[in-house]
Amino acid sequence: MNLVLDDTIRIPLFAATSLNAFRHWTKSADYPERGDYNYLGRDLWVDLSSESVGHNLLKGAVTIAIASIAINDRLGRCFASGMRLVHEAASLSTEPDAMFVSHDSLRTKQVWFENGAESREVIGTPDMVFEVVSSHSIQKDTVALRELYAAAGIAEYWLVNPLGGQLSFDILRLTAKGYTPTRKAAGWIKSAVFGNSFRLVQEDADAELPEYRLLMR
């Protein structure tokens, strides 16, 4: 038996019964090419909306900067949008906008891969995850994932929210009580994971397609 969405998307009901069943479905030939599907704490979250241009530009600006730091400073590996993160203890399977895994985390098997470079999942606890909030992901990004990323032990959760005409950028650091926003100094935020301070700026704010830059010092 399937759950049918939008006349074309079929989700087998067994996919919602457990994390392992959901993972099996995401790696099967029946997994839909369209839509965003997440297993979050035993709930199946589905989003069939298309990504906006603004969301894509923001995601790209931050991801490119993170990847450049990881490569140039030989810190680890940056995984872009489309790679699935799985954490069994947190009952989590989702596709972050980006995530970073340090060499130490790879060496100590804090993160591992079932099939090496052919894997479709990053399994375990990355050092950092990043999400851009959209109008259809507010509850998921700011509540559900905030709780589950903390339960997974991820040291930093980078959260960008462009909604309401005000661009906000926070680095949430993991504490014993969950995530706490890192204090800002003149707009700069220190990342313990990367050892640098960052500031996200929007240029050409009046242009149809603004430009975003993640500055580092």
Protein backbone atom coordinates (compact mmCIF):
# COMPACT_ATOMS: atom_id res chain seq x y z
CA MET A 1 0.00 0.00 0.00
CA ASN A 2 1.25 3.47 -0.93
CA LEU A 3 0.57 7.03 0.11
CA VAL A 4 -0.03 8.96 -3.13
CA LEU A 5 0.87 12.66 -3.26
CA ASP A 6 0.30 15.10 -6.10
CA ASP A 7 -1.04 12.26 -8.28
CA THR A 8 2.47 11.02 -9.09
CA ILE A 9 4.47 10.56 -5.88
CA ARG A 10 4.04 7.18 -4.21
CA ILE A 11 5.44 6.56 -0.75
CA PRO A 12 5.15 2.97 0.49
CA LEU A 13 3.65 2.92 3.97
CA PHE A 14 6.42 0.63 5.22
CA ALA A 15 8.89 3.52 4.71
CA ALA A 16 7.41 5.28 7.75
CA THR A 17 7.64 2.28 10.07
CA SER A 18 11.32 2.58 11.01
CA LEU A 19 14.55 4.36 10.15
CA ASN A 20 15.95 1.22 8.50
CA ALA A 21 12.81 0.83 6.37
CA PHE A 22 13.05 4.47 5.32
CA ARG A 23 16.73 4.10 4.42
CA HIS A 24 15.94 1.02 2.35
CA TRP A 25 13.30 2.98 0.43
CA THR A 26 15.60 5.97 -0.24
CA LYS A 27 18.14 3.65 -1.85
CA SER A 28 15.62 1.73 -3.94
CA ALA A 29 14.63 2.22 -7.58
CA ASP A 30 11.19 3.37 -6.38
CA TYR A 31 12.51 6.46 -4.60
CA PRO A 32 11.00 9.57 -6.30
CA GLU A 33 13.18 11.92 -8.30
CA ARG A 34 11.14 14.91 -7.14
CA GLY A 35 10.61 16.06 -3.56
CA ASP A 36 12.44 16.22 -0.25
CA TYR A 37 11.89 13.31 2.17
CA ASN A 38 13.11 13.23 5.75
CA TYR A 39 12.81 10.75 8.60
CA LEU A 40 12.87 12.90 11.71
CA GLY A 41 12.39 11.25 15.06
CA ARG A 42 9.97 8.63 13.70
CA ASP A 43 8.00 11.16 11.65
CA LEU A 44 8.15 11.22 7.85
CA TRP A 45 8.41 14.81 6.58
CA VAL A 46 7.66 15.45 2.90
CA ASP A 47 8.22 18.66 0.93
CA LEU A 48 7.25 18.75 -2.75
CA SER A 49 7.97 22.46 -3.29
CA SER A 50 10.71 23.62 -5.64
CA GLU A 51 13.81 25.42 -4.39
CA SER A 52 13.75 29.18 -5.02
CA VAL A 53 16.56 31.06 -6.77
CA GLY A 54 17.29 33.07 -3.63
CA HIS A 55 17.55 29.92 -1.51
CA ASN A 56 19.89 28.37 -4.04
CA LEU A 57 22.16 31.45 -4.14
CA LEU A 58 22.43 31.55 -0.35
CA LYS A 59 23.09 27.84 -0.10
CA GLY A 60 25.74 28.04 -2.80
CA ALA A 61 27.57 31.01 -1.27
CA VAL A 62 27.97 29.37 2.12
CA THR A 63 28.73 25.89 0.75
CA ILE A 64 31.43 27.16 -1.62
CA ALA A 65 33.11 29.08 1.21
CA ILE A 66 33.03 26.10 3.57
CA ALA A 67 34.33 23.73 0.91
CA SER A 68 37.17 26.12 0.03
CA ILE A 69 38.26 26.30 3.67
CA ALA A 70 38.07 22.53 4.09
CA ILE A 71 40.17 21.94 0.97
CA ASN A 72 42.69 24.78 1.24
CA ASP A 73 43.37 24.27 4.95
CA ARG A 74 43.17 20.47 4.66
CA LEU A 75 40.63 20.27 7.46
CA GLY A 76 38.37 17.53 6.16
CA ARG A 77 35.50 17.03 3.72
CA CYS A 78 32.54 19.25 2.88
CA PHE A 79 29.41 17.56 1.55
CA ALA A 80 27.02 19.64 -0.53
CA SER A 81 23.25 19.48 -0.86
CA GLY A 82 21.97 16.10 -2.05
CA MET A 83 24.01 13.94 0.30
CA ARG A 84 21.96 12.22 2.98
CA LEU A 85 22.90 12.31 6.67
CA VAL A 86 21.91 9.32 8.82
CA HIS A 87 22.20 9.06 12.59
CA GLU A 88 20.68 5.91 14.02
CA ALA A 89 20.52 6.88 17.71
CA ALA A 90 18.80 10.18 16.85
CA SER A 91 16.42 8.39 14.44
CA LEU A 92 17.46 10.80 11.71
CA SER A 93 17.73 10.66 7.92
CA THR A 94 17.81 14.00 6.11
CA GLU A 95 19.62 15.96 3.40
CA PRO A 96 21.24 19.09 4.91
CA ASP A 97 22.07 22.03 2.68
CA ALA A 98 25.70 21.22 3.52
CA MET A 99 27.78 19.47 6.18
CA PHE A 100 31.43 19.30 7.18
CA VAL A 101 33.37 16.31 8.50
CA SER A 102 36.85 16.82 9.93
CA HIS A 103 39.78 14.48 9.38
CA ASP A 104 39.65 13.60 13.09
CA SER A 105 36.01 12.52 12.79
CA LEU A 106 36.87 10.37 9.80
CA ARG A 107 39.88 8.82 11.50
CA THR A 108 38.00 7.98 14.70
CA LYS A 109 34.99 6.63 12.77
CA GLN A 110 32.68 9.25 14.21
CA VAL A 111 31.49 9.31 10.60
CA TRP A 112 31.62 6.35 8.26
CA PHE A 113 30.43 5.17 4.85
CA GLU A 114 29.00 1.80 3.93
CA ASN A 115 30.37 1.75 0.37
CA GLY A 116 33.22 4.22 0.32
CA ALA A 117 32.97 6.84 -2.42
CA GLU A 118 29.90 5.06 -3.81
CA SER A 119 27.92 5.63 -0.58
CA ARG A 120 24.70 7.60 -0.67
CA GLU A 121 24.76 8.37 3.04
CA VAL A 122 27.03 10.05 5.55
CA ILE A 123 26.48 7.94 8.67
CA GLY A 124 27.27 9.23 12.15
CA THR A 125 28.06 12.66 13.57
CA PRO A 126 29.54 15.34 11.29
CA ASP A 127 31.24 18.32 12.92
CA MET A 128 28.89 20.88 11.37
CA VAL A 129 25.59 21.04 9.46
CA PHE A 130 24.10 23.98 7.57
CA GLU A 131 20.53 24.84 6.61
CA VAL A 132 18.84 27.77 4.86
CA VAL A 133 15.33 28.37 6.16
CA SER A 134 12.60 28.69 3.52
CA SER A 135 8.92 29.54 3.90
CA HIS A 136 8.05 25.83 3.77
CA SER A 137 10.80 24.59 6.13
CA ILE A 138 10.50 26.88 9.16
CA GLN A 139 9.27 24.22 11.58
CA LYS A 140 11.64 21.60 10.21
CA ASP A 141 14.79 23.74 10.29
CA THR A 142 14.23 25.76 13.46
CA VAL A 143 12.57 23.14 15.67
CA ALA A 144 12.72 19.52 14.47
CA LEU A 145 16.23 19.53 13.02
CA ARG A 146 17.56 21.75 15.80
CA GLU A 147 16.51 19.10 18.32
CA LEU A 148 17.68 16.12 16.26
CA TYR A 149 21.03 17.59 15.23
CA ALA A 150 21.67 18.23 18.93
CA ALA A 151 20.63 14.65 19.77
CA ALA A 152 23.11 13.48 17.12
CA GLY A 153 25.90 15.35 18.92
CA ILE A 154 26.76 17.70 16.04
CA ALA A 155 29.02 20.44 17.43
CA GLU A 156 27.74 23.31 15.27
CA TYR A 157 24.49 24.01 13.46
CA TRP A 158 24.76 26.92 11.01
CA LEU A 159 21.36 28.43 10.34
CA VAL A 160 20.60 31.13 7.77
CA ASN A 161 17.17 32.74 7.62
CA PRO A 162 16.42 35.22 4.79
CA LEU A 163 12.68 35.46 5.48
CA GLY A 164 10.91 38.72 6.28
CA GLY A 165 13.45 40.83 4.40
CA GLN A 166 16.04 40.43 7.16
CA LEU A 167 19.01 38.14 6.55
CA SER A 168 20.05 36.41 9.77
CA PHE A 169 23.01 34.09 10.26
CA ASP A 170 23.59 32.09 13.43
CA ILE A 171 26.14 29.52 14.50
CA LEU A 172 24.44 27.36 17.10
CA ARG A 173 26.95 25.60 19.34
CA LEU A 174 26.13 22.40 21.18
CA THR A 175 25.91 22.55 24.97
CA ALA A 176 24.62 20.17 27.61
CA LYS A 177 21.19 21.82 27.25
CA GLY A 178 21.11 21.74 23.45
CA TYR A 179 22.05 24.44 20.96
CA THR A 180 22.90 27.98 22.05
CA PRO A 181 23.52 30.86 19.60
CA THR A 182 27.15 31.97 19.54
CA ARG A 183 27.54 35.59 20.60
CA LYS A 184 28.20 38.02 17.75
CA ALA A 185 30.82 40.78 17.76
CA ALA A 186 30.01 43.54 15.26
CA GLY A 187 28.29 40.97 13.08
CA TRP A 188 31.11 38.42 13.25
CA ILE A 189 30.56 34.95 14.73
CA LYS A 190 33.36 32.65 15.90
CA SER A 191 33.24 29.02 14.77
CA ALA A 192 35.01 26.59 17.08
CA VAL A 193 34.89 23.95 14.35
CA PHE A 194 36.83 26.02 11.80
CA GLY A 195 38.76 28.24 14.23
CA ASN A 196 37.75 31.43 12.39
CA SER A 197 35.08 34.11 12.61
CA PHE A 198 32.47 34.50 9.88
CA ARG A 199 30.05 37.13 8.65
CA LEU A 200 27.37 36.63 6.00
CA VAL A 201 26.64 39.73 3.91
CA GLN A 202 24.13 40.52 1.20
CA GLU A 203 25.32 42.79 -1.59
CA ASP A 204 23.21 44.50 -4.26
CA ALA A 205 20.18 44.25 -1.97
CA ASP A 206 18.02 46.15 -4.45
CA ALA A 207 18.94 43.89 -7.37
CA GLU A 208 16.57 41.20 -8.57
CA LEU A 209 19.24 38.63 -7.76
CA PRO A 210 21.29 39.77 -4.74
CA GLU A 211 24.79 38.45 -4.18
CA TYR A 212 25.74 36.76 -0.93
CA ARG A 213 29.24 36.43 0.48
CA LEU A 214 30.50 34.57 3.52
CA LEU A 215 33.40 36.58 4.88
CA MET A 216 36.07 35.06 7.11
CA ARG A 217 38.75 36.48 9.36
